[in-house]
Amino acid sequence: MKEKIEILYKDLLDQGYDILINKDDYSSIVGLSTSAVDHNISKGCGIPNYSKLGTKKNSPVRFYLRDVAEYIIAQQIEIA
């Protein structure tokens, strides 16, 4: 499984994604709308680890690309 994560992680880097990505990037990778991502965040499920940059409701959210790759492989999500 670690090998699959590394391959996906490197592939995403090669596609131009940064190590730390925003909600729009995550949405593009997994093929969800940003509103669906917001919904998953609010429910606390169906989403990889993330960091919220602030305490307000609309504070920006960031995902580590490696966490995204791990989540995709663990959930066997077909990426867009």
PDB file of N, CA and C in Angstrom:
ATOM      1  N   MET A   1       0.825  -1.196   0.000  1.00  0.00           N
ATOM      2  CA  MET A   1       0.000   0.000   0.000  1.00  0.00           C
ATOM      3  C   MET A   1       0.867   1.257   0.000  1.00  0.00           C
ATOM      4  N   LYS A   2       1.987   1.220   0.740  1.00  0.00           N
ATOM      5  CA  LYS A   2       2.865   2.386   0.784  1.00  0.00           C
ATOM      6  C   LYS A   2       3.406   2.728  -0.598  1.00  0.00           C
ATOM      7  N   GLU A   3       3.669   1.691  -1.383  1.00  0.00           N
ATOM      8  CA  GLU A   3       4.184   1.926  -2.733  1.00  0.00           C
ATOM      9  C   GLU A   3       3.147   2.638  -3.605  1.00  0.00           C
ATOM     10  N   LYS A   4       1.887   2.233  -3.484  1.00  0.00           N
ATOM     11  CA  LYS A   4       0.813   2.876  -4.247  1.00  0.00           C
ATOM     12  C   LYS A   4       0.659   4.342  -3.839  1.00  0.00           C
ATOM     13  N   ILE A   5       0.784   4.599  -2.540  1.00  0.00           N
ATOM     14  CA  ILE A   5       0.682   5.979  -2.041  1.00  0.00           C
ATOM     15  C   ILE A   5       1.801   6.823  -2.626  1.00  0.00           C
ATOM     16  N   GLU A   6       3.019   6.296  -2.608  1.00  0.00           N
ATOM     17  CA  GLU A   6       4.167   7.033  -3.152  1.00  0.00           C
ATOM     18  C   GLU A   6       3.996   7.325  -4.632  1.00  0.00           C
ATOM     19  N   ILE A   7       3.519   6.344  -5.372  1.00  0.00           N
ATOM     20  CA  ILE A   7       3.314   6.529  -6.813  1.00  0.00           C
ATOM     21  C   ILE A   7       2.278   7.622  -7.065  1.00  0.00           C
ATOM     22  N   LEU A   8       1.160   7.561  -6.354  1.00  0.00           N
ATOM     23  CA  LEU A   8       0.119   8.576  -6.524  1.00  0.00           C
ATOM     24  C   LEU A   8       0.626   9.949  -6.097  1.00  0.00           C
ATOM     25  N   TYR A   9       1.316  10.010  -4.976  1.00  0.00           N
ATOM     26  CA  TYR A   9       1.865  11.272  -4.474  1.00  0.00           C
ATOM     27  C   TYR A   9       2.800  11.903  -5.508  1.00  0.00           C
ATOM     28  N   LYS A  10       3.709  11.118  -6.052  1.00  0.00           N
ATOM     29  CA  LYS A  10       4.637  11.636  -7.069  1.00  0.00           C
ATOM     30  C   LYS A  10       3.888  12.065  -8.322  1.00  0.00           C
ATOM     31  N   ASP A  11       2.870  11.303  -8.702  1.00  0.00           N
ATOM     32  CA  ASP A  11       2.075  11.647  -9.877  1.00  0.00           C
ATOM     33  C   ASP A  11       1.374  12.993  -9.685  1.00  0.00           C
ATOM     34  N   LEU A  12       0.810  13.210  -8.503  1.00  0.00           N
ATOM     35  CA  LEU A  12       0.138  14.480  -8.218  1.00  0.00           C
ATOM     36  C   LEU A  12       1.130  15.639  -8.222  1.00  0.00           C
ATOM     37  N   LEU A  13       2.318  15.408  -7.677  1.00  0.00           N
ATOM     38  CA  LEU A  13       3.368  16.444  -7.731  1.00  0.00           C
ATOM     39  C   LEU A  13       3.741  16.747  -9.180  1.00  0.00           C
ATOM     40  N   ASP A  14       3.874  15.697  -9.990  1.00  0.00           N
ATOM     41  CA  ASP A  14       4.215  15.869 -11.407  1.00  0.00           C
ATOM     42  C   ASP A  14       3.126  16.630 -12.162  1.00  0.00           C
ATOM     43  N   GLN A  15       1.887  16.537 -11.690  1.00  0.00           N
ATOM     44  CA  GLN A  15       0.779  17.257 -12.314  1.00  0.00           C
ATOM     45  C   GLN A  15       0.776  18.735 -11.929  1.00  0.00           C
ATOM     46  N   GLY A  16       1.680  19.110 -11.021  1.00  0.00           N
ATOM     47  CA  GLY A  16       1.809  20.515 -10.665  1.00  0.00           C
ATOM     48  C   GLY A  16       1.198  20.906  -9.334  1.00  0.00           C
ATOM     49  N   TYR A  17       0.676  19.952  -8.594  1.00  0.00           N
ATOM     50  CA  TYR A  17       0.115  20.276  -7.284  1.00  0.00           C
ATOM     51  C   TYR A  17       1.248  20.509  -6.288  1.00  0.00           C
ATOM     52  N   ASP A  18       1.022  21.455  -5.374  1.00  0.00           N
ATOM     53  CA  ASP A  18       1.988  21.733  -4.322  1.00  0.00           C
ATOM     54  C   ASP A  18       1.841  20.720  -3.194  1.00  0.00           C
ATOM     55  N   ILE A  19       2.784  20.730  -2.282  1.00  0.00           N
ATOM     56  CA  ILE A  19       2.749  19.833  -1.127  1.00  0.00           C
ATOM     57  C   ILE A  19       1.551  20.154  -0.234  1.00  0.00           C
ATOM     58  N   LEU A  20       1.172  21.414  -0.193  1.00  0.00           N
ATOM     59  CA  LEU A  20       0.016  21.868   0.582  1.00  0.00           C
ATOM     60  C   LEU A  20      -0.999  22.428  -0.408  1.00  0.00           C
ATOM     61  N   ILE A  21      -2.188  21.849  -0.457  1.00  0.00           N
ATOM     62  CA  ILE A  21      -3.175  22.262  -1.453  1.00  0.00           C
ATOM     63  C   ILE A  21      -4.424  22.835  -0.788  1.00  0.00           C
ATOM     64  N   ASN A  22      -5.164  23.602  -1.567  1.00  0.00           N
ATOM     65  CA  ASN A  22      -6.409  24.194  -1.053  1.00  0.00           C
ATOM     66  C   ASN A  22      -7.608  23.320  -1.431  1.00  0.00           C
ATOM     67  N   LYS A  23      -8.776  23.767  -1.022  1.00  0.00           N
ATOM     68  CA  LYS A  23     -10.018  23.033  -1.270  1.00  0.00           C
ATOM     69  C   LYS A  23     -10.303  22.845  -2.758  1.00  0.00           C
ATOM     70  N   ASP A  24     -10.022  23.865  -3.545  1.00  0.00           N
ATOM     71  CA  ASP A  24     -10.264  23.764  -4.987  1.00  0.00           C
ATOM     72  C   ASP A  24      -9.401  22.679  -5.616  1.00  0.00           C
ATOM     73  N   ASP A  25      -8.124  22.639  -5.209  1.00  0.00           N
ATOM     74  CA  ASP A  25      -7.226  21.598  -5.728  1.00  0.00           C
ATOM     75  C   ASP A  25      -7.714  20.215  -5.320  1.00  0.00           C
ATOM     76  N   TYR A  26      -8.078  20.077  -4.048  1.00  0.00           N
ATOM     77  CA  TYR A  26      -8.577  18.783  -3.569  1.00  0.00           C
ATOM     78  C   TYR A  26      -9.820  18.372  -4.355  1.00  0.00           C
ATOM     79  N   SER A  27     -10.723  19.326  -4.571  1.00  0.00           N
ATOM     80  CA  SER A  27     -11.945  19.050  -5.333  1.00  0.00           C
ATOM     81  C   SER A  27     -11.616  18.546  -6.729  1.00  0.00           C
ATOM     82  N   SER A  28     -10.645  19.183  -7.371  1.00  0.00           N
ATOM     83  CA  SER A  28     -10.242  18.770  -8.718  1.00  0.00           C
ATOM     84  C   SER A  28      -9.660  17.362  -8.732  1.00  0.00           C
ATOM     85  N   ILE A  29      -8.862  17.059  -7.740  1.00  0.00           N
ATOM     86  CA  ILE A  29      -8.207  15.751  -7.682  1.00  0.00           C
ATOM     87  C   ILE A  29      -9.223  14.632  -7.529  1.00  0.00           C
ATOM     88  N   VAL A  30     -10.180  14.801  -6.625  1.00  0.00           N
ATOM     89  CA  VAL A  30     -11.121  13.713  -6.336  1.00  0.00           C
ATOM     90  C   VAL A  30     -12.419  13.801  -7.129  1.00  0.00           C
ATOM     91  N   GLY A  31     -12.591  14.871  -7.889  1.00  0.00           N
ATOM     92  CA  GLY A  31     -13.770  14.987  -8.739  1.00  0.00           C
ATOM     93  C   GLY A  31     -15.048  15.333  -7.997  1.00  0.00           C
ATOM     94  N   LEU A  32     -14.920  16.105  -6.919  1.00  0.00           N
ATOM     95  CA  LEU A  32     -16.082  16.587  -6.167  1.00  0.00           C
ATOM     96  C   LEU A  32     -16.211  18.087  -6.336  1.00  0.00           C
ATOM     97  N   SER A  33     -17.408  18.591  -6.129  1.00  0.00           N
ATOM     98  CA  SER A  33     -17.581  20.043  -6.107  1.00  0.00           C
ATOM     99  C   SER A  33     -17.042  20.570  -4.778  1.00  0.00           C
ATOM    100  N   THR A  34     -16.725  21.850  -4.750  1.00  0.00           N
ATOM    101  CA  THR A  34     -16.247  22.433  -3.488  1.00  0.00           C
ATOM    102  C   THR A  34     -17.357  22.424  -2.444  1.00  0.00           C
ATOM    103  N   SER A  35     -18.606  22.520  -2.865  1.00  0.00           N
ATOM    104  CA  SER A  35     -19.706  22.457  -1.890  1.00  0.00           C
ATOM    105  C   SER A  35     -19.797  21.055  -1.275  1.00  0.00           C
ATOM    106  N   ALA A  36     -19.516  20.014  -2.056  1.00  0.00           N
ATOM    107  CA  ALA A  36     -19.498  18.652  -1.510  1.00  0.00           C
ATOM    108  C   ALA A  36     -18.353  18.494  -0.517  1.00  0.00           C
ATOM    109  N   VAL A  37     -17.205  19.097  -0.836  1.00  0.00           N
ATOM    110  CA  VAL A  37     -16.071  19.062   0.092  1.00  0.00           C
ATOM    111  C   VAL A  37     -16.431  19.806   1.372  1.00  0.00           C
ATOM    112  N   ASP A  38     -17.057  20.973   1.237  1.00  0.00           N
ATOM    113  CA  ASP A  38     -17.495  21.725   2.418  1.00  0.00           C
ATOM    114  C   ASP A  38     -18.457  20.892   3.271  1.00  0.00           C
ATOM    115  N   HIS A  39     -19.357  20.209   2.613  1.00  0.00           N
ATOM    116  CA  HIS A  39     -20.321  19.359   3.322  1.00  0.00           C
ATOM    117  C   HIS A  39     -19.592  18.257   4.100  1.00  0.00           C
ATOM    118  N   ASN A  40     -18.635  17.589   3.442  1.00  0.00           N
ATOM    119  CA  ASN A  40     -17.879  16.532   4.112  1.00  0.00           C
ATOM    120  C   ASN A  40     -17.088  17.082   5.294  1.00  0.00           C
ATOM    121  N   ILE A  41     -16.521  18.266   5.142  1.00  0.00           N
ATOM    122  CA  ILE A  41     -15.789  18.886   6.240  1.00  0.00           C
ATOM    123  C   ILE A  41     -16.729  19.159   7.404  1.00  0.00           C
ATOM    124  N   SER A  42     -17.904  19.703   7.105  1.00  0.00           N
ATOM    125  CA  SER A  42     -18.855  20.033   8.179  1.00  0.00           C
ATOM    126  C   SER A  42     -19.349  18.784   8.901  1.00  0.00           C
ATOM    127  N   LYS A  43     -19.467  17.670   8.185  1.00  0.00           N
ATOM    128  CA  LYS A  43     -19.909  16.416   8.787  1.00  0.00           C
ATOM    129  C   LYS A  43     -18.754  15.658   9.446  1.00  0.00           C
ATOM    130  N   GLY A  44     -17.516  16.013   9.078  1.00  0.00           N
ATOM    131  CA  GLY A  44     -16.350  15.344   9.660  1.00  0.00           C
ATOM    132  C   GLY A  44     -16.121  13.943   9.145  1.00  0.00           C
ATOM    133  N   CYS A  45     -16.598  13.675   7.933  1.00  0.00           N
ATOM    134  CA  CYS A  45     -16.385  12.350   7.357  1.00  0.00           C
ATOM    135  C   CYS A  45     -16.191  12.471   5.850  1.00  0.00           C
ATOM    136  N   GLY A  46     -15.590  11.428   5.279  1.00  0.00           N
ATOM    137  CA  GLY A  46     -15.390  11.413   3.836  1.00  0.00           C
ATOM    138  C   GLY A  46     -14.364  12.408   3.361  1.00  0.00           C
ATOM    139  N   ILE A  47     -13.369  12.679   4.206  1.00  0.00           N
ATOM    140  CA  ILE A  47     -12.378  13.718   3.892  1.00  0.00           C
ATOM    141  C   ILE A  47     -11.045  13.340   4.550  1.00  0.00           C
ATOM    142  N   PRO A  48      -9.925  13.602   3.873  1.00  0.00           N
ATOM    143  CA  PRO A  48      -8.632  13.337   4.520  1.00  0.00           C
ATOM    144  C   PRO A  48      -8.344  14.381   5.605  1.00  0.00           C
ATOM    145  N   ASN A  49      -7.274  14.154   6.345  1.00  0.00           N
ATOM    146  CA  ASN A  49      -6.854  15.139   7.344  1.00  0.00           C
ATOM    147  C   ASN A  49      -6.659  16.492   6.675  1.00  0.00           C
ATOM    148  N   TYR A  50      -7.028  17.544   7.382  1.00  0.00           N
ATOM    149  CA  TYR A  50      -6.873  18.900   6.856  1.00  0.00           C
ATOM    150  C   TYR A  50      -6.567  19.846   8.006  1.00  0.00           C
ATOM    151  N   SER A  51      -6.129  21.045   7.654  1.00  0.00           N
ATOM    152  CA  SER A  51      -5.883  22.095   8.644  1.00  0.00           C
ATOM    153  C   SER A  51      -6.714  23.301   8.267  1.00  0.00           C
ATOM    154  N   LYS A  52      -7.368  23.868   9.259  1.00  0.00           N
ATOM    155  CA  LYS A  52      -8.147  25.083   9.049  1.00  0.00           C
ATOM    156  C   LYS A  52      -7.290  26.261   9.500  1.00  0.00           C
ATOM    157  N   LEU A  53      -7.150  27.246   8.634  1.00  0.00           N
ATOM    158  CA  LEU A  53      -6.280  28.393   8.905  1.00  0.00           C
ATOM    159  C   LEU A  53      -7.090  29.520   9.523  1.00  0.00           C
ATOM    160  N   GLY A  54      -7.457  29.359  10.775  1.00  0.00           N
ATOM    161  CA  GLY A  54      -8.256  30.354  11.479  1.00  0.00           C
ATOM    162  C   GLY A  54      -9.403  29.694  12.205  1.00  0.00           C
ATOM    163  N   THR A  55     -10.173  30.503  12.897  1.00  0.00           N
ATOM    164  CA  THR A  55     -11.276  29.968  13.692  1.00  0.00           C
ATOM    165  C   THR A  55     -12.648  30.331  13.147  1.00  0.00           C
ATOM    166  N   LYS A  56     -12.694  31.200  12.154  1.00  0.00           N
ATOM    167  CA  LYS A  56     -13.982  31.621  11.599  1.00  0.00           C
ATOM    168  C   LYS A  56     -14.570  30.521  10.722  1.00  0.00           C
ATOM    169  N   LYS A  57     -15.870  30.587  10.524  1.00  0.00           N
ATOM    170  CA  LYS A  57     -16.579  29.583   9.728  1.00  0.00           C
ATOM    171  C   LYS A  57     -15.990  29.441   8.321  1.00  0.00           C
ATOM    172  N   ASN A  58     -15.628  30.535   7.710  1.00  0.00           N
ATOM    173  CA  ASN A  58     -15.122  30.508   6.336  1.00  0.00           C
ATOM    174  C   ASN A  58     -13.605  30.604   6.239  1.00  0.00           C
ATOM    175  N   SER A  59     -12.900  30.233   7.311  1.00  0.00           N
ATOM    176  CA  SER A  59     -11.434  30.244   7.265  1.00  0.00           C
ATOM    177  C   SER A  59     -10.948  29.245   6.223  1.00  0.00           C
ATOM    178  N   PRO A  60      -9.848  29.572   5.536  1.00  0.00           N
ATOM    179  CA  PRO A  60      -9.332  28.668   4.505  1.00  0.00           C
ATOM    180  C   PRO A  60      -8.926  27.307   5.078  1.00  0.00           C
ATOM    181  N   VAL A  61      -9.038  26.300   4.240  1.00  0.00           N
ATOM    182  CA  VAL A  61      -8.677  24.931   4.597  1.00  0.00           C
ATOM    183  C   VAL A  61      -7.541  24.492   3.688  1.00  0.00           C
ATOM    184  N   ARG A  62      -6.590  23.759   4.253  1.00  0.00           N
ATOM    185  CA  ARG A  62      -5.472  23.224   3.475  1.00  0.00           C
ATOM    186  C   ARG A  62      -5.312  21.735   3.751  1.00  0.00           C
ATOM    187  N   PHE A  63      -4.907  21.023   2.712  1.00  0.00           N
ATOM    188  CA  PHE A  63      -4.657  19.585   2.799  1.00  0.00           C
ATOM    189  C   PHE A  63      -3.207  19.326   2.422  1.00  0.00           C
ATOM    190  N   TYR A  64      -2.553  18.432   3.152  1.00  0.00           N
ATOM    191  CA  TYR A  64      -1.236  17.975   2.721  1.00  0.00           C
ATOM    192  C   TYR A  64      -1.452  16.956   1.612  1.00  0.00           C
ATOM    193  N   LEU A  65      -0.725  17.127   0.529  1.00  0.00           N
ATOM    194  CA  LEU A  65      -0.896  16.274  -0.640  1.00  0.00           C
ATOM    195  C   LEU A  65      -0.662  14.805  -0.294  1.00  0.00           C
ATOM    196  N   ARG A  66       0.278  14.528   0.590  1.00  0.00           N
ATOM    197  CA  ARG A  66       0.538  13.140   0.991  1.00  0.00           C
ATOM    198  C   ARG A  66      -0.689  12.553   1.706  1.00  0.00           C
ATOM    199  N   ASP A  67      -1.338  13.352   2.562  1.00  0.00           N
ATOM    200  CA  ASP A  67      -2.556  12.885   3.237  1.00  0.00           C
ATOM    201  C   ASP A  67      -3.661  12.591   2.224  1.00  0.00           C
ATOM    202  N   VAL A  68      -3.745  13.415   1.204  1.00  0.00           N
ATOM    203  CA  VAL A  68      -4.738  13.203   0.141  1.00  0.00           C
ATOM    204  C   VAL A  68      -4.446  11.886  -0.582  1.00  0.00           C
ATOM    205  N   ALA A  69      -3.183  11.662  -0.928  1.00  0.00           N
ATOM    206  CA  ALA A  69      -2.801  10.416  -1.608  1.00  0.00           C
ATOM    207  C   ALA A  69      -3.113   9.207  -0.721  1.00  0.00           C
ATOM    208  N   GLU A  70      -2.791   9.287   0.558  1.00  0.00           N
ATOM    209  CA  GLU A  70      -3.082   8.189   1.480  1.00  0.00           C
ATOM    210  C   GLU A  70      -4.580   7.929   1.562  1.00  0.00           C
ATOM    211  N   TYR A  71      -5.357   8.986   1.641  1.00  0.00           N
ATOM    212  CA  TYR A  71      -6.811   8.859   1.742  1.00  0.00           C
ATOM    213  C   TYR A  71      -7.384   8.222   0.475  1.00  0.00           C
ATOM    214  N   ILE A  72      -6.939   8.670  -0.665  1.00  0.00           N
ATOM    215  CA  ILE A  72      -7.431   8.131  -1.936  1.00  0.00           C
ATOM    216  C   ILE A  72      -7.137   6.643  -2.028  1.00  0.00           C
ATOM    217  N   ILE A  73      -5.926   6.243  -1.699  1.00  0.00           N
ATOM    218  CA  ILE A  73      -5.552   4.827  -1.769  1.00  0.00           C
ATOM    219  C   ILE A  73      -6.345   4.021  -0.742  1.00  0.00           C
ATOM    220  N   ALA A  74      -6.469   4.527   0.477  1.00  0.00           N
ATOM    221  CA  ALA A  74      -7.195   3.806   1.528  1.00  0.00           C
ATOM    222  C   ALA A  74      -8.673   3.635   1.169  1.00  0.00           C
ATOM    223  N   GLN A  75      -9.259   4.635   0.532  1.00  0.00           N
ATOM    224  CA  GLN A  75     -10.668   4.581   0.171  1.00  0.00           C
ATOM    225  C   GLN A  75     -10.892   4.010  -1.226  1.00  0.00           C
ATOM    226  N   GLN A  76      -9.809   3.772  -1.942  1.00  0.00           N
ATOM    227  CA  GLN A  76      -9.860   3.299  -3.322  1.00  0.00           C
ATOM    228  C   GLN A  76     -10.738   4.185  -4.172  1.00  0.00           C
ATOM    229  N   ILE A  77     -10.528   5.490  -4.034  1.00  0.00           N
ATOM    230  CA  ILE A  77     -11.261   6.482  -4.797  1.00  0.00           C
ATOM    231  C   ILE A  77     -10.646   6.598  -6.184  1.00  0.00           C
ATOM    232  N   GLU A  78     -11.464   6.647  -7.199  1.00  0.00           N
ATOM    233  CA  GLU A  78     -10.975   6.867  -8.552  1.00  0.00           C
ATOM    234  C   GLU A  78     -10.827   8.368  -8.751  1.00  0.00           C
ATOM    235  N   ILE A  79      -9.602   8.830  -9.008  1.00  0.00           N
ATOM    236  CA  ILE A  79      -9.374  10.267  -9.125  1.00  0.00           C
ATOM    237  C   ILE A  79      -9.746  10.763 -10.510  1.00  0.00           C
ATOM    238  N   ALA A  80     -10.105  12.033 -10.530  1.00  0.00           N
ATOM    239  CA  ALA A  80     -10.542  12.669 -11.783  1.00  0.00           C
ATOM    240  C   ALA A  80      -9.378  12.881 -12.726  1.00  0.00           C
TER     241      ALA A  80
END
